[in-house]
Amino acid sequence: MRPYPPDYRERFAEEEIPVGYWGEPEDLAALAVFLASPVARYITGTVIPVEDCGGISSKAGLRSGLLATPPTV
C-alpha cells in the first residue's frame, strides 16, 4: 500500500469507489464461504472480479487526478 495520508485515502474512497469505502478482508471472506457452501454447487468455471479501485492503474483515480499527483508526506 502506498503511504497516502488517511484523509486522502478517505476522500478517494468516497469519490471514486462505488460503494464508498475500502474493502476489508471480511468482504472477501463472505464470498469465499458462499462459494465453498452447498448453495453454490452449480457455480463452476466462472470468474468473479474483485476490484479495489485503488491501484495506480485505476481509471477512476487517473481520471479524477487523485492518483496522478500523490501528496507529499
C-alpha atoms as a PDB file:
ATOM      1  CA  MET A   1       0.000   0.000   0.000  1.00  0.00           C
ATOM      2  CA  ARG A   2       1.264   3.449  -0.829  1.00  0.00           C
ATOM      3  CA  PRO A   3       1.843   5.849   2.079  1.00  0.00           C
ATOM      4  CA  TYR A   4      -1.057   8.199   1.323  1.00  0.00           C
ATOM      5  CA  PRO A   5      -2.356  10.173   4.306  1.00  0.00           C
ATOM      6  CA  PRO A   6      -5.607   8.869   5.849  1.00  0.00           C
ATOM      7  CA  ASP A   7      -7.654  11.921   4.808  1.00  0.00           C
ATOM      8  CA  TYR A   8      -6.519  11.495   1.196  1.00  0.00           C
ATOM      9  CA  ARG A   9      -7.452   7.785   1.212  1.00  0.00           C
ATOM     10  CA  GLU A  10     -10.852   8.561   2.744  1.00  0.00           C
ATOM     11  CA  ARG A  11     -11.609  11.239   0.141  1.00  0.00           C
ATOM     12  CA  PHE A  12     -10.542   8.901  -2.664  1.00  0.00           C
ATOM     13  CA  ALA A  13     -12.801   6.123  -1.344  1.00  0.00           C
ATOM     14  CA  GLU A  14     -15.797   8.431  -1.039  1.00  0.00           C
ATOM     15  CA  GLU A  15     -15.359   9.904  -4.522  1.00  0.00           C
ATOM     16  CA  GLU A  16     -14.072   7.003  -6.602  1.00  0.00           C
ATOM     17  CA  ILE A  17     -15.049   3.641  -5.102  1.00  0.00           C
ATOM     18  CA  PRO A  18     -18.652   2.782  -5.998  1.00  0.00           C
ATOM     19  CA  VAL A  19     -19.552   1.522  -2.500  1.00  0.00           C
ATOM     20  CA  GLY A  20     -17.765   4.473  -0.874  1.00  0.00           C
ATOM     21  CA  TYR A  21     -15.249   2.616   1.270  1.00  0.00           C
ATOM     22  CA  TRP A  22     -12.159   0.421   1.053  1.00  0.00           C
ATOM     23  CA  GLY A  23     -12.788  -3.306   1.127  1.00  0.00           C
ATOM     24  CA  GLU A  24     -11.958  -5.335   4.188  1.00  0.00           C
ATOM     25  CA  PRO A  25     -10.859  -8.987   4.394  1.00  0.00           C
ATOM     26  CA  GLU A  26     -14.347  -9.841   5.649  1.00  0.00           C
ATOM     27  CA  ASP A  27     -15.809  -8.649   2.334  1.00  0.00           C
ATOM     28  CA  LEU A  28     -13.888 -11.376   0.516  1.00  0.00           C
ATOM     29  CA  ALA A  29     -14.396 -13.946   3.256  1.00  0.00           C
ATOM     30  CA  ALA A  30     -18.175 -13.870   2.783  1.00  0.00           C
ATOM     31  CA  LEU A  31     -17.736 -14.647  -0.920  1.00  0.00           C
ATOM     32  CA  ALA A  32     -15.307 -17.481  -0.171  1.00  0.00           C
ATOM     33  CA  VAL A  33     -17.685 -19.020   2.371  1.00  0.00           C
ATOM     34  CA  PHE A  34     -20.559 -18.797  -0.096  1.00  0.00           C
ATOM     35  CA  LEU A  35     -18.557 -20.402  -2.913  1.00  0.00           C
ATOM     36  CA  ALA A  36     -17.468 -23.230  -0.600  1.00  0.00           C
ATOM     37  CA  SER A  37     -21.037 -23.895   0.536  1.00  0.00           C
ATOM     38  CA  PRO A  38     -23.551 -26.344  -0.966  1.00  0.00           C
ATOM     39  CA  VAL A  39     -25.665 -23.374  -2.068  1.00  0.00           C
ATOM     40  CA  ALA A  40     -23.045 -22.549  -4.707  1.00  0.00           C
ATOM     41  CA  ARG A  41     -22.799 -26.085  -6.053  1.00  0.00           C
ATOM     42  CA  TYR A  42     -23.958 -25.082  -9.540  1.00  0.00           C
ATOM     43  CA  ILE A  43     -21.382 -22.302  -9.919  1.00  0.00           C
ATOM     44  CA  THR A  44     -18.488 -23.644 -11.969  1.00  0.00           C
ATOM     45  CA  GLY A  45     -15.871 -22.203 -14.277  1.00  0.00           C
ATOM     46  CA  THR A  46     -16.570 -18.559 -13.672  1.00  0.00           C
ATOM     47  CA  VAL A  47     -14.506 -15.537 -12.771  1.00  0.00           C
ATOM     48  CA  ILE A  48     -15.810 -13.255 -10.058  1.00  0.00           C
ATOM     49  CA  PRO A  49     -13.963  -9.948 -10.279  1.00  0.00           C
ATOM     50  CA  VAL A  50     -12.905  -8.322  -7.036  1.00  0.00           C
ATOM     51  CA  GLU A  51     -11.579  -4.847  -7.607  1.00  0.00           C
ATOM     52  CA  ASP A  52     -10.230  -2.435  -5.047  1.00  0.00           C
ATOM     53  CA  CYS A  53     -10.315   0.583  -7.368  1.00  0.00           C
ATOM     54  CA  GLY A  54      -7.304   1.950  -5.583  1.00  0.00           C
ATOM     55  CA  GLY A  55      -4.417   0.866  -7.763  1.00  0.00           C
ATOM     56  CA  ILE A  56      -2.365   3.336  -9.724  1.00  0.00           C
ATOM     57  CA  SER A  57      -3.871   1.878 -12.896  1.00  0.00           C
ATOM     58  CA  SER A  58      -7.376   2.666 -11.700  1.00  0.00           C
ATOM     59  CA  LYS A  59      -9.108   4.585 -14.489  1.00  0.00           C
ATOM     60  CA  ALA A  60     -11.271   6.362 -11.934  1.00  0.00           C
ATOM     61  CA  GLY A  61      -8.245   7.546  -9.982  1.00  0.00           C
ATOM     62  CA  LEU A  62      -6.378   8.710 -13.042  1.00  0.00           C
ATOM     63  CA  ARG A  63      -9.460  10.431 -14.479  1.00  0.00           C
ATOM     64  CA  SER A  64     -10.065  12.435 -11.328  1.00  0.00           C
ATOM     65  CA  GLY A  65      -6.426  13.324 -10.844  1.00  0.00           C
ATOM     66  CA  LEU A  66      -6.450  11.889  -7.347  1.00  0.00           C
ATOM     67  CA  LEU A  67      -3.716   9.404  -8.118  1.00  0.00           C
ATOM     68  CA  ALA A  68      -1.989  11.409 -10.807  1.00  0.00           C
ATOM     69  CA  THR A  69      -0.357  13.707  -8.257  1.00  0.00           C
ATOM     70  CA  PRO A  70       0.158  11.946  -4.939  1.00  0.00           C
ATOM     71  CA  PRO A  71       0.563  14.215  -1.929  1.00  0.00           C
ATOM     72  CA  THR A  72       3.892  14.712  -0.250  1.00  0.00           C
ATOM     73  CA  VAL A  73       4.218  13.107   3.139  1.00  0.00           C
END
